[in-house]
N, C-alpha and C. Protein backbone atom coordinates (compact mmCIF):
# COMPACT_ATOMS: atom_id res chain seq x y z
N MET A 1 -22.25 13.86 -2.06
CA MET A 1 -21.34 14.03 -3.16
C MET A 1 -20.16 13.06 -3.00
N THR A 2 -19.75 12.44 -4.07
CA THR A 2 -18.67 11.46 -4.05
C THR A 2 -17.31 12.17 -4.01
N ASP A 3 -16.44 11.68 -3.14
CA ASP A 3 -15.07 12.21 -3.06
C ASP A 3 -14.36 11.84 -4.36
N PRO A 4 -13.72 12.81 -5.05
CA PRO A 4 -13.05 12.50 -6.32
C PRO A 4 -11.94 11.45 -6.16
N ARG A 5 -11.38 11.32 -4.94
CA ARG A 5 -10.35 10.30 -4.70
C ARG A 5 -10.91 8.89 -4.75
N ASP A 6 -12.25 8.77 -4.69
CA ASP A 6 -12.89 7.46 -4.74
C ASP A 6 -13.44 7.12 -6.11
N LEU A 7 -13.05 7.87 -7.13
CA LEU A 7 -13.51 7.59 -8.49
C LEU A 7 -12.44 6.82 -9.26
N PRO A 8 -12.82 5.75 -9.94
CA PRO A 8 -11.83 5.01 -10.74
C PRO A 8 -11.08 5.94 -11.68
N GLY A 9 -9.79 5.71 -11.78
CA GLY A 9 -8.93 6.54 -12.61
C GLY A 9 -8.18 7.59 -11.82
N HIS A 10 -8.59 7.82 -10.57
CA HIS A 10 -7.90 8.82 -9.75
C HIS A 10 -6.45 8.39 -9.51
N VAL A 11 -5.52 9.33 -9.74
CA VAL A 11 -4.10 9.08 -9.53
C VAL A 11 -3.67 9.83 -8.28
N ASP A 12 -3.09 9.09 -7.34
CA ASP A 12 -2.62 9.66 -6.09
C ASP A 12 -1.10 9.64 -6.10
N GLU A 13 -0.48 10.79 -6.36
CA GLU A 13 0.99 10.88 -6.40
C GLU A 13 1.53 10.80 -4.98
N LYS A 14 2.54 9.98 -4.79
CA LYS A 14 3.17 9.77 -3.48
C LYS A 14 4.68 9.97 -3.63
N PRO A 15 5.40 10.20 -2.54
CA PRO A 15 6.85 10.34 -2.67
C PRO A 15 7.54 9.06 -3.14
N TRP A 16 6.91 7.91 -2.94
CA TRP A 16 7.49 6.62 -3.35
C TRP A 16 7.07 6.20 -4.75
N GLY A 17 6.12 6.92 -5.35
CA GLY A 17 5.59 6.54 -6.67
C GLY A 17 4.17 7.05 -6.80
N ARG A 18 3.23 6.15 -7.11
CA ARG A 18 1.83 6.57 -7.19
C ARG A 18 0.90 5.38 -7.06
N GLY A 19 -0.35 5.72 -6.72
CA GLY A 19 -1.42 4.73 -6.68
C GLY A 19 -2.51 5.17 -7.63
N ILE A 20 -3.03 4.24 -8.40
CA ILE A 20 -4.10 4.53 -9.35
C ILE A 20 -5.31 3.69 -8.95
N LEU A 21 -6.41 4.34 -8.68
CA LEU A 21 -7.62 3.63 -8.29
C LEU A 21 -8.25 2.99 -9.53
N LEU A 22 -8.42 1.68 -9.48
CA LEU A 22 -8.97 0.95 -10.63
C LEU A 22 -10.46 0.68 -10.48
N GLU A 23 -10.89 0.34 -9.27
CA GLU A 23 -12.30 0.00 -9.07
C GLU A 23 -12.65 0.11 -7.59
N VAL A 24 -13.90 0.48 -7.33
CA VAL A 24 -14.43 0.53 -5.97
C VAL A 24 -15.78 -0.16 -5.97
N GLY A 25 -16.02 -0.97 -4.95
CA GLY A 25 -17.31 -1.63 -4.81
C GLY A 25 -17.63 -1.77 -3.34
N PRO A 26 -18.78 -2.36 -3.02
CA PRO A 26 -19.17 -2.51 -1.61
C PRO A 26 -18.14 -3.37 -0.86
N GLY A 27 -17.41 -2.75 0.04
CA GLY A 27 -16.46 -3.49 0.87
C GLY A 27 -15.13 -3.81 0.20
N TYR A 28 -14.86 -3.25 -0.99
CA TYR A 28 -13.56 -3.51 -1.63
C TYR A 28 -13.11 -2.32 -2.47
N LYS A 29 -11.79 -2.25 -2.67
CA LYS A 29 -11.17 -1.22 -3.50
C LYS A 29 -9.97 -1.88 -4.16
N VAL A 30 -9.75 -1.59 -5.45
CA VAL A 30 -8.63 -2.15 -6.21
C VAL A 30 -7.75 -1.00 -6.70
N LYS A 31 -6.44 -1.10 -6.41
CA LYS A 31 -5.49 -0.07 -6.83
C LYS A 31 -4.30 -0.70 -7.56
N ARG A 32 -3.72 0.09 -8.43
CA ARG A 32 -2.43 -0.24 -9.05
C ARG A 32 -1.40 0.63 -8.33
N LEU A 33 -0.45 -0.01 -7.65
CA LEU A 33 0.62 0.70 -6.97
C LEU A 33 1.87 0.64 -7.82
N GLU A 34 2.49 1.78 -8.05
CA GLU A 34 3.74 1.86 -8.80
C GLU A 34 4.80 2.41 -7.86
N VAL A 35 5.79 1.59 -7.52
CA VAL A 35 6.83 1.97 -6.57
C VAL A 35 8.13 2.16 -7.33
N LYS A 36 8.70 3.37 -7.22
CA LYS A 36 9.94 3.70 -7.91
C LYS A 36 11.11 2.90 -7.34
N PRO A 37 12.10 2.61 -8.19
CA PRO A 37 13.29 1.89 -7.69
C PRO A 37 13.92 2.62 -6.50
N GLY A 38 14.28 1.84 -5.48
CA GLY A 38 14.93 2.39 -4.30
C GLY A 38 13.99 3.02 -3.28
N HIS A 39 12.68 2.90 -3.51
CA HIS A 39 11.70 3.52 -2.61
C HIS A 39 10.87 2.45 -1.91
N ARG A 40 10.20 2.87 -0.85
CA ARG A 40 9.31 1.97 -0.11
C ARG A 40 8.20 2.76 0.56
N LEU A 41 7.10 2.08 0.81
CA LEU A 41 5.98 2.66 1.52
C LEU A 41 6.30 2.67 3.00
N SER A 42 5.49 3.36 3.78
CA SER A 42 5.70 3.38 5.23
C SER A 42 5.43 2.00 5.82
N LEU A 43 6.04 1.74 6.98
CA LEU A 43 5.70 0.57 7.77
C LEU A 43 4.40 0.94 8.47
N GLN A 44 3.34 0.19 8.18
CA GLN A 44 2.00 0.60 8.59
C GLN A 44 1.11 -0.58 8.88
N LYS A 45 -0.06 -0.26 9.42
CA LYS A 45 -1.11 -1.26 9.59
C LYS A 45 -2.45 -0.56 9.44
N HIS A 46 -3.49 -1.36 9.34
CA HIS A 46 -4.85 -0.85 9.20
C HIS A 46 -5.75 -1.59 10.19
N ARG A 47 -6.63 -0.87 10.82
CA ARG A 47 -7.55 -1.51 11.77
C ARG A 47 -8.77 -2.12 11.07
N HIS A 48 -9.18 -1.49 9.96
CA HIS A 48 -10.47 -1.85 9.37
C HIS A 48 -10.39 -2.56 8.03
N ARG A 49 -9.20 -2.90 7.58
CA ARG A 49 -9.12 -3.56 6.27
C ARG A 49 -7.95 -4.53 6.22
N CYS A 50 -8.11 -5.51 5.35
CA CYS A 50 -7.01 -6.41 4.98
C CYS A 50 -6.68 -6.11 3.52
N GLU A 51 -5.51 -6.60 3.08
CA GLU A 51 -5.07 -6.33 1.72
C GLU A 51 -4.49 -7.59 1.09
N ASN A 52 -4.70 -7.71 -0.21
CA ASN A 52 -4.04 -8.73 -1.03
C ASN A 52 -3.16 -7.99 -2.02
N TRP A 53 -1.91 -8.41 -2.14
CA TRP A 53 -0.98 -7.82 -3.10
C TRP A 53 -0.58 -8.86 -4.12
N VAL A 54 -0.67 -8.51 -5.40
CA VAL A 54 -0.21 -9.35 -6.50
C VAL A 54 0.82 -8.55 -7.29
N VAL A 55 2.01 -9.12 -7.48
CA VAL A 55 3.04 -8.42 -8.23
C VAL A 55 2.78 -8.62 -9.72
N ALA A 56 2.69 -7.49 -10.44
CA ALA A 56 2.49 -7.53 -11.88
C ALA A 56 3.81 -7.36 -12.62
N ALA A 57 4.73 -6.54 -12.07
CA ALA A 57 6.04 -6.29 -12.71
C ALA A 57 7.05 -5.90 -11.64
N GLY A 58 8.29 -6.30 -11.86
CA GLY A 58 9.35 -6.00 -10.90
C GLY A 58 9.39 -7.04 -9.79
N THR A 59 10.22 -6.77 -8.80
CA THR A 59 10.32 -7.66 -7.64
C THR A 59 10.08 -6.83 -6.39
N ALA A 60 9.12 -7.26 -5.59
CA ALA A 60 8.79 -6.57 -4.35
C ALA A 60 9.56 -7.18 -3.19
N THR A 61 9.89 -6.33 -2.23
CA THR A 61 10.34 -6.81 -0.94
C THR A 61 9.20 -6.50 0.02
N VAL A 62 8.62 -7.55 0.58
CA VAL A 62 7.44 -7.42 1.42
C VAL A 62 7.82 -7.70 2.86
N THR A 63 7.38 -6.83 3.74
CA THR A 63 7.47 -7.08 5.17
C THR A 63 6.05 -7.22 5.67
N THR A 64 5.78 -8.31 6.35
CA THR A 64 4.47 -8.52 6.97
C THR A 64 4.71 -9.20 8.31
N GLY A 65 4.26 -8.55 9.37
CA GLY A 65 4.58 -9.05 10.70
C GLY A 65 6.09 -9.02 10.90
N ASP A 66 6.67 -10.16 11.29
CA ASP A 66 8.12 -10.22 11.51
C ASP A 66 8.85 -10.90 10.36
N ARG A 67 8.18 -11.09 9.22
CA ARG A 67 8.79 -11.72 8.04
C ARG A 67 9.06 -10.68 6.96
N THR A 68 10.20 -10.85 6.26
CA THR A 68 10.50 -10.06 5.08
C THR A 68 10.89 -11.04 3.98
N PHE A 69 10.28 -10.90 2.80
CA PHE A 69 10.49 -11.86 1.73
C PHE A 69 10.25 -11.21 0.38
N PRO A 70 10.84 -11.79 -0.69
CA PRO A 70 10.62 -11.25 -2.04
C PRO A 70 9.33 -11.79 -2.64
N LEU A 71 8.72 -10.99 -3.50
CA LEU A 71 7.59 -11.43 -4.32
C LEU A 71 7.89 -11.03 -5.74
N ARG A 72 7.73 -11.98 -6.65
CA ARG A 72 8.01 -11.75 -8.07
C ARG A 72 6.70 -11.75 -8.86
N PRO A 73 6.76 -11.36 -10.14
CA PRO A 73 5.53 -11.34 -10.94
C PRO A 73 4.75 -12.65 -10.84
N GLN A 74 3.44 -12.52 -10.72
CA GLN A 74 2.47 -13.59 -10.58
C GLN A 74 2.39 -14.15 -9.17
N GLU A 75 3.23 -13.68 -8.24
CA GLU A 75 3.15 -14.13 -6.85
C GLU A 75 2.32 -13.13 -6.06
N HIS A 76 1.78 -13.60 -4.94
CA HIS A 76 0.89 -12.75 -4.15
C HIS A 76 1.05 -13.03 -2.67
N THR A 77 0.53 -12.11 -1.86
CA THR A 77 0.51 -12.29 -0.41
C THR A 77 -0.74 -11.63 0.15
N PHE A 78 -1.13 -12.08 1.33
CA PHE A 78 -2.30 -11.57 2.04
C PHE A 78 -1.82 -10.89 3.32
N ILE A 79 -2.33 -9.71 3.59
CA ILE A 79 -1.99 -8.97 4.81
C ILE A 79 -3.27 -8.80 5.62
N PRO A 80 -3.39 -9.51 6.75
CA PRO A 80 -4.58 -9.36 7.59
C PRO A 80 -4.65 -7.98 8.23
N ALA A 81 -5.83 -7.57 8.62
CA ALA A 81 -6.00 -6.32 9.37
C ALA A 81 -5.14 -6.38 10.63
N ASP A 82 -4.70 -5.22 11.10
CA ASP A 82 -3.88 -5.08 12.31
C ASP A 82 -2.51 -5.75 12.21
N THR A 83 -2.01 -5.96 11.00
CA THR A 83 -0.68 -6.55 10.80
C THR A 83 0.25 -5.49 10.22
N LEU A 84 1.38 -5.27 10.87
CA LEU A 84 2.37 -4.34 10.32
C LEU A 84 2.85 -4.85 8.98
N HIS A 85 2.96 -3.96 8.00
CA HIS A 85 3.41 -4.37 6.68
C HIS A 85 4.08 -3.21 5.95
N ARG A 86 4.88 -3.58 4.95
CA ARG A 86 5.58 -2.59 4.13
C ARG A 86 5.86 -3.21 2.78
N LEU A 87 5.80 -2.38 1.74
CA LEU A 87 6.12 -2.77 0.38
C LEU A 87 7.32 -1.94 -0.06
N ALA A 88 8.35 -2.60 -0.61
CA ALA A 88 9.56 -1.89 -1.01
C ALA A 88 10.02 -2.38 -2.38
N ASN A 89 10.76 -1.50 -3.07
CA ASN A 89 11.33 -1.83 -4.37
C ASN A 89 12.83 -1.61 -4.31
N ALA A 90 13.58 -2.67 -4.09
CA ALA A 90 15.05 -2.59 -4.06
C ALA A 90 15.64 -2.80 -5.44
N GLY A 91 14.81 -3.12 -6.42
CA GLY A 91 15.30 -3.43 -7.77
C GLY A 91 15.52 -2.19 -8.61
N PRO A 92 16.03 -2.40 -9.83
CA PRO A 92 16.33 -1.29 -10.73
C PRO A 92 15.13 -0.83 -11.58
N ASP A 93 14.05 -1.60 -11.57
CA ASP A 93 12.90 -1.31 -12.43
C ASP A 93 11.68 -0.91 -11.59
N LEU A 94 10.72 -0.29 -12.24
CA LEU A 94 9.47 0.07 -11.57
C LEU A 94 8.79 -1.19 -11.05
N LEU A 95 8.31 -1.14 -9.82
CA LEU A 95 7.53 -2.23 -9.22
C LEU A 95 6.05 -1.90 -9.40
N VAL A 96 5.29 -2.84 -9.94
CA VAL A 96 3.85 -2.66 -10.12
C VAL A 96 3.14 -3.76 -9.33
N VAL A 97 2.29 -3.34 -8.41
CA VAL A 97 1.54 -4.27 -7.56
C VAL A 97 0.06 -3.92 -7.67
N ILE A 98 -0.76 -4.94 -7.82
CA ILE A 98 -2.21 -4.75 -7.76
C ILE A 98 -2.63 -5.05 -6.32
N GLU A 99 -3.25 -4.06 -5.71
CA GLU A 99 -3.67 -4.17 -4.31
C GLU A 99 -5.19 -4.26 -4.26
N VAL A 100 -5.71 -5.27 -3.59
CA VAL A 100 -7.15 -5.39 -3.36
C VAL A 100 -7.38 -5.23 -1.86
N GLN A 101 -8.10 -4.18 -1.52
CA GLN A 101 -8.44 -3.92 -0.12
C GLN A 101 -9.84 -4.46 0.14
N HIS A 102 -10.02 -5.06 1.32
CA HIS A 102 -11.34 -5.53 1.76
C HIS A 102 -11.57 -5.01 3.17
N GLY A 103 -12.77 -4.50 3.43
CA GLY A 103 -13.08 -4.06 4.79
C GLY A 103 -14.22 -3.08 4.83
N ASN A 104 -14.51 -2.62 6.05
CA ASN A 104 -15.64 -1.71 6.22
C ASN A 104 -15.20 -0.24 6.23
N GLN A 105 -13.89 0.02 6.23
CA GLN A 105 -13.38 1.38 6.09
C GLN A 105 -12.16 1.31 5.18
N LEU A 106 -12.27 1.90 3.99
CA LEU A 106 -11.21 1.79 2.99
C LEU A 106 -10.57 3.14 2.69
N SER A 107 -10.62 4.06 3.64
CA SER A 107 -10.07 5.39 3.42
C SER A 107 -8.62 5.45 3.88
N GLU A 108 -7.93 6.51 3.46
CA GLU A 108 -6.55 6.75 3.88
C GLU A 108 -6.49 7.05 5.38
N ASP A 109 -7.62 7.36 6.00
CA ASP A 109 -7.66 7.63 7.44
C ASP A 109 -7.37 6.38 8.26
N ASP A 110 -7.41 5.21 7.64
CA ASP A 110 -7.17 3.95 8.36
C ASP A 110 -5.70 3.53 8.29
N ILE A 111 -4.81 4.42 7.87
CA ILE A 111 -3.38 4.10 7.84
C ILE A 111 -2.76 4.53 9.17
N ILE A 112 -2.16 3.57 9.86
CA ILE A 112 -1.43 3.83 11.09
C ILE A 112 0.04 3.62 10.77
N ARG A 113 0.78 4.72 10.61
CA ARG A 113 2.20 4.64 10.25
C ARG A 113 3.05 4.47 11.50
N VAL A 114 4.00 3.54 11.42
CA VAL A 114 4.92 3.27 12.51
C VAL A 114 6.31 3.81 12.16
N ALA A 115 6.68 3.73 10.89
CA ALA A 115 7.96 4.26 10.40
C ALA A 115 7.73 4.74 8.98
N ASP A 116 8.42 5.85 8.61
CA ASP A 116 8.19 6.40 7.29
C ASP A 116 9.43 7.17 6.83
N ASP A 117 9.89 6.85 5.63
CA ASP A 117 11.07 7.51 5.05
C ASP A 117 10.79 8.96 4.66
N TYR A 118 9.52 9.34 4.58
CA TYR A 118 9.15 10.65 4.05
C TYR A 118 8.56 11.58 5.12
N ARG A 119 8.77 11.23 6.37
CA ARG A 119 8.36 12.06 7.53
C ARG A 119 6.88 12.38 7.54
N ARG A 120 6.06 11.37 7.25
CA ARG A 120 4.60 11.57 7.26
C ARG A 120 3.97 11.12 8.58
N ILE A 121 4.79 10.89 9.61
CA ILE A 121 4.27 10.52 10.91
C ILE A 121 4.19 11.79 11.76
N PRO A 122 3.00 12.12 12.26
CA PRO A 122 2.91 13.33 13.08
C PRO A 122 3.70 13.15 14.38
N PRO A 123 4.32 14.23 14.87
CA PRO A 123 5.07 14.10 16.13
C PRO A 123 4.14 13.78 17.28
N GLY A 124 4.65 13.04 18.24
CA GLY A 124 3.86 12.67 19.42
C GLY A 124 3.76 13.81 20.40
N PRO A 125 2.99 13.61 21.47
CA PRO A 125 2.84 14.65 22.48
C PRO A 125 4.18 15.06 23.06
N GLY A 126 4.37 16.34 23.27
CA GLY A 126 5.59 16.85 23.86
C GLY A 126 6.74 17.00 22.88
N ALA A 127 6.50 16.72 21.59
CA ALA A 127 7.58 16.81 20.61
C ALA A 127 7.83 18.25 20.19
């Protein structure tokens, strides 16, 4: 049985905004990410996938590795697997990014959070 989260049109509400699944195929997944003004995703990496981000609306602040830089509409960036990255919206308008994931595991289980504004990092041993 197919997980409903893997069906095109699925909306995943997040504290920073939402993700809308647009398409899934062998080894790839396409999402529309909507980031509310003043919000950002967790600082994270993935072991099994890389990502391409294309800004459709708004201005993104992208952190990848040790670089932080702006991305404006029609600009894009590539995030290799095992690279720390974060997407943020410091602007006054909704940020819309099209994310294309490529890899052999495209589930939310492949998110390794290092820092998170919304306390979604489980406490470590002894906490």
